[in-house]
């Protein structure tokens, strides 16, 4: 996240978006969400489940606010330009579904809760991964490192789970769909 959006979040490189409230609000909620993921993992490791549940309630609110900021950015970027194909973001919608399922499973099935939170967050970080690869390799050489990074991370989920799951199958479908805007910019 830090590398992908460092030009807006950490450093002022003179982009117009550095002063736009929608990007600053998005950065705040994204930073808060990822910080809470680290804190929550630490609380579980320390067996402080009571505080984990309390902070989780705050976390789910932050997550939904984060996704609202994403949809606001997409709306401004694509709907107002009548580019409805790029407005459809199935990975982000799928992320909302998985994190909601994680929240609903928080007391019933801690393993599903953990898997859905983690994979749901993975579905959401595409733009940060894309920009990270762009900054590290440049536009001419970003395609293969991007593919390798995505599939390596995806492979870690299969390795961890020791099987291919329904949500992994949907990710593949939605991920290939999400490549359209990237490929159309390159052509």
Protein backbone atom coordinates (compact mmCIF):
# COMPACT_ATOMS: atom_id res chain seq x y z
CA UNK A 1 0.00 0.00 0.00
CA UNK A 2 2.78 2.42 0.91
CA UNK A 3 4.67 1.95 -2.37
CA UNK A 4 1.57 1.89 -4.56
CA UNK A 5 0.14 5.14 -3.30
CA UNK A 6 3.23 6.86 -1.91
CA UNK A 7 2.88 9.58 -4.51
CA UNK A 8 -0.43 10.62 -2.94
CA UNK A 9 -0.29 9.34 0.60
CA UNK A 10 3.29 9.81 1.79
CA UNK A 11 4.83 12.35 -0.56
CA UNK A 12 3.53 15.40 -2.35
CA UNK A 13 4.77 15.04 -5.90
CA UNK A 14 2.60 17.83 -7.21
CA UNK A 15 -0.33 15.75 -8.44
CA UNK A 16 -3.71 17.45 -8.41
CA UNK A 17 -5.15 14.49 -6.51
CA UNK A 18 -2.92 15.25 -3.50
CA UNK A 19 -5.30 18.01 -2.50
CA UNK A 20 -8.59 16.33 -3.44
CA UNK A 21 -10.59 15.42 -0.33
CA UNK A 22 -11.97 12.19 -1.82
CA UNK A 23 -8.43 10.78 -2.18
CA UNK A 24 -7.34 11.95 1.26
CA UNK A 25 -10.46 10.44 2.85
CA UNK A 26 -9.90 7.22 0.93
CA UNK A 27 -6.26 7.14 2.10
CA UNK A 28 -7.36 7.64 5.70
CA UNK A 29 -9.84 4.74 5.62
CA UNK A 30 -7.47 2.46 3.68
CA UNK A 31 -4.65 3.14 6.13
CA UNK A 32 -7.05 2.60 9.04
CA UNK A 33 -8.30 -0.72 7.61
CA UNK A 34 -4.85 -2.15 7.02
CA UNK A 35 -3.61 -0.91 10.38
CA UNK A 36 -6.57 -2.61 12.07
CA UNK A 37 -5.79 -5.86 10.27
CA UNK A 38 -2.34 -5.84 11.84
CA UNK A 39 -3.69 -4.88 15.28
CA UNK A 40 -6.41 -7.54 15.11
CA UNK A 41 -3.89 -10.24 14.17
CA UNK A 42 -1.76 -9.24 17.14
CA UNK A 43 -4.77 -9.34 19.49
CA UNK A 44 -5.59 -12.88 18.38
CA UNK A 45 -1.97 -13.92 18.87
CA UNK A 46 -2.14 -12.52 22.42
CA UNK A 47 -5.54 -14.29 22.99
CA UNK A 48 -7.25 -10.98 23.70
CA UNK A 49 -10.50 -12.00 22.02
CA UNK A 50 -12.73 -9.58 23.90
CA UNK A 51 -10.84 -6.54 22.62
CA UNK A 52 -10.57 -8.20 19.18
CA UNK A 53 -14.39 -8.39 18.99
CA UNK A 54 -14.82 -4.77 20.09
CA UNK A 55 -12.28 -3.43 17.63
CA UNK A 56 -13.79 -5.67 14.94
CA UNK A 57 -17.03 -3.70 15.18
CA UNK A 58 -15.10 -0.51 14.51
CA UNK A 59 -13.18 -2.31 11.76
CA UNK A 60 -16.26 -3.38 9.82
CA UNK A 61 -17.52 0.21 9.83
CA UNK A 62 -14.13 1.43 8.59
CA UNK A 63 -14.13 -1.26 5.91
CA UNK A 64 -17.55 -0.25 4.59
CA UNK A 65 -16.52 3.42 4.62
CA UNK A 66 -13.37 2.45 2.70
CA UNK A 67 -15.43 0.69 0.04
CA UNK A 68 -17.73 3.71 -0.22
CA UNK A 69 -14.72 5.92 -0.91
CA UNK A 70 -13.62 3.47 -3.61
CA UNK A 71 -17.02 3.58 -5.30
CA UNK A 72 -17.00 7.38 -5.09
CA UNK A 73 -13.64 7.49 -6.88
CA UNK A 74 -14.84 5.03 -9.53
CA UNK A 75 -18.04 6.98 -10.03
CA UNK A 76 -16.17 10.21 -10.61
CA UNK A 77 -13.60 8.54 -12.88
CA UNK A 78 -15.85 6.35 -15.00
CA UNK A 79 -19.58 7.02 -14.70
CA UNK A 80 -19.23 10.72 -15.30
CA UNK A 81 -17.20 9.89 -18.42
CA UNK A 82 -19.84 7.35 -19.57
CA UNK A 83 -17.29 4.51 -19.36
CA UNK A 84 -19.63 1.98 -17.77
CA UNK A 85 -17.46 -1.05 -18.56
CA UNK A 86 -14.72 0.29 -16.30
CA UNK A 87 -17.27 1.26 -13.65
CA UNK A 88 -18.18 -2.39 -13.07
CA UNK A 89 -15.73 -3.60 -10.42
CA UNK A 90 -16.59 -7.20 -9.50
CA UNK A 91 -13.48 -7.75 -7.36
CA UNK A 92 -14.44 -4.87 -5.08
CA UNK A 93 -18.04 -6.08 -4.84
CA UNK A 94 -16.78 -9.61 -4.16
CA UNK A 95 -14.52 -8.20 -1.46
CA UNK A 96 -17.56 -6.67 0.24
CA UNK A 97 -19.33 -10.03 0.11
CA UNK A 98 -16.36 -11.89 1.63
CA UNK A 99 -15.73 -9.38 4.41
CA UNK A 100 -19.46 -9.37 5.22
CA UNK A 101 -19.38 -13.19 5.38
CA UNK A 102 -16.32 -12.91 7.63
CA UNK A 103 -18.19 -10.57 9.93
CA UNK A 104 -21.20 -12.92 10.05
CA UNK A 105 -18.90 -15.88 10.83
CA UNK A 106 -16.88 -14.08 13.49
CA UNK A 107 -18.34 -16.05 16.40
CA UNK A 108 -19.48 -19.18 14.56
CA UNK A 109 -16.39 -20.21 12.63
CA UNK A 110 -13.11 -18.42 13.35
CA UNK A 111 -11.30 -20.18 10.49
CA UNK A 112 -13.81 -18.98 7.88
CA UNK A 113 -13.75 -15.56 9.51
CA UNK A 114 -9.98 -15.36 9.05
CA UNK A 115 -10.01 -16.74 5.50
CA UNK A 116 -12.78 -14.43 4.31
CA UNK A 117 -11.22 -11.32 5.88
CA UNK A 118 -7.84 -12.10 4.37
CA UNK A 119 -9.05 -13.07 0.92
CA UNK A 120 -11.60 -10.25 0.86
CA UNK A 121 -8.82 -7.78 1.56
CA UNK A 122 -6.71 -9.39 -1.17
CA UNK A 123 -9.58 -8.75 -3.62
CA UNK A 124 -9.51 -5.08 -2.65
CA UNK A 125 -5.80 -4.32 -3.03
CA UNK A 126 -5.58 -4.60 -6.81
CA UNK A 127 -5.10 -0.88 -7.52
CA UNK A 128 -2.32 -0.64 -4.93
CA UNK A 129 -0.55 -3.69 -6.39
CA UNK A 130 -0.93 -2.29 -9.92
CA UNK A 131 0.54 1.05 -8.93
CA UNK A 132 3.34 -0.60 -6.96
CA UNK A 133 4.42 -2.57 -10.02
CA UNK A 134 4.04 0.57 -12.16
CA UNK A 135 6.34 2.57 -9.83
CA UNK A 136 8.91 -0.21 -9.53
CA UNK A 137 9.11 -1.30 -13.18
CA UNK A 138 7.57 1.53 -15.21
CA UNK A 139 4.78 1.29 -17.76
CA UNK A 140 6.84 -0.55 -20.37
CA UNK A 141 7.82 -3.43 -18.08
CA UNK A 142 4.97 -3.71 -15.61
CA UNK A 143 2.82 -6.43 -17.20
CA UNK A 144 4.84 -9.54 -16.34
CA UNK A 145 5.80 -8.47 -12.81
CA UNK A 146 2.12 -7.67 -12.20
CA UNK A 147 1.02 -11.12 -13.37
CA UNK A 148 3.72 -12.79 -11.29
CA UNK A 149 2.83 -10.81 -8.17
CA UNK A 150 -0.90 -11.50 -8.41
CA UNK A 151 -0.50 -15.20 -9.11
CA UNK A 152 2.18 -15.60 -6.45
CA UNK A 153 -0.11 -14.06 -3.83
CA UNK A 154 -3.02 -16.14 -5.10
CA UNK A 155 -0.82 -19.23 -4.90
CA UNK A 156 -0.10 -18.49 -1.26
CA UNK A 157 -3.83 -18.72 -0.54
CA UNK A 158 -4.05 -22.12 -2.24
CA UNK A 159 -0.95 -23.28 -0.37
CA UNK A 160 -2.36 -22.09 2.96
CA UNK A 161 -5.78 -23.63 2.39
CA UNK A 162 -4.33 -26.79 0.78
CA UNK A 163 -7.17 -26.78 -1.73
CA UNK A 164 -8.94 -24.65 -4.30
CA UNK A 165 -12.09 -23.01 -2.89
CA UNK A 166 -15.22 -21.44 -4.35
CA UNK A 167 -14.01 -17.92 -3.58
CA UNK A 168 -10.70 -18.57 -5.35
CA UNK A 169 -12.63 -19.62 -8.47
CA UNK A 170 -14.65 -16.40 -8.42
CA UNK A 171 -11.46 -14.39 -7.93
CA UNK A 172 -9.99 -15.87 -11.13
CA UNK A 173 -13.10 -14.96 -13.13
CA UNK A 174 -13.31 -11.44 -11.71
CA UNK A 175 -9.56 -10.86 -12.01
CA UNK A 176 -9.55 -11.68 -15.71
CA UNK A 177 -12.53 -9.37 -16.17
CA UNK A 178 -10.64 -6.61 -14.34
CA UNK A 179 -7.76 -6.81 -16.83
CA UNK A 180 -9.86 -5.22 -19.57
CA UNK A 181 -9.19 -1.59 -18.55
CA UNK A 182 -5.46 -2.23 -18.20
CA UNK A 183 -5.13 -3.99 -21.52
CA UNK A 184 -7.31 -1.43 -23.31
CA UNK A 185 -4.97 1.36 -22.12
CA UNK A 186 -1.97 -0.49 -23.50
CA UNK A 187 -3.46 -1.04 -26.97
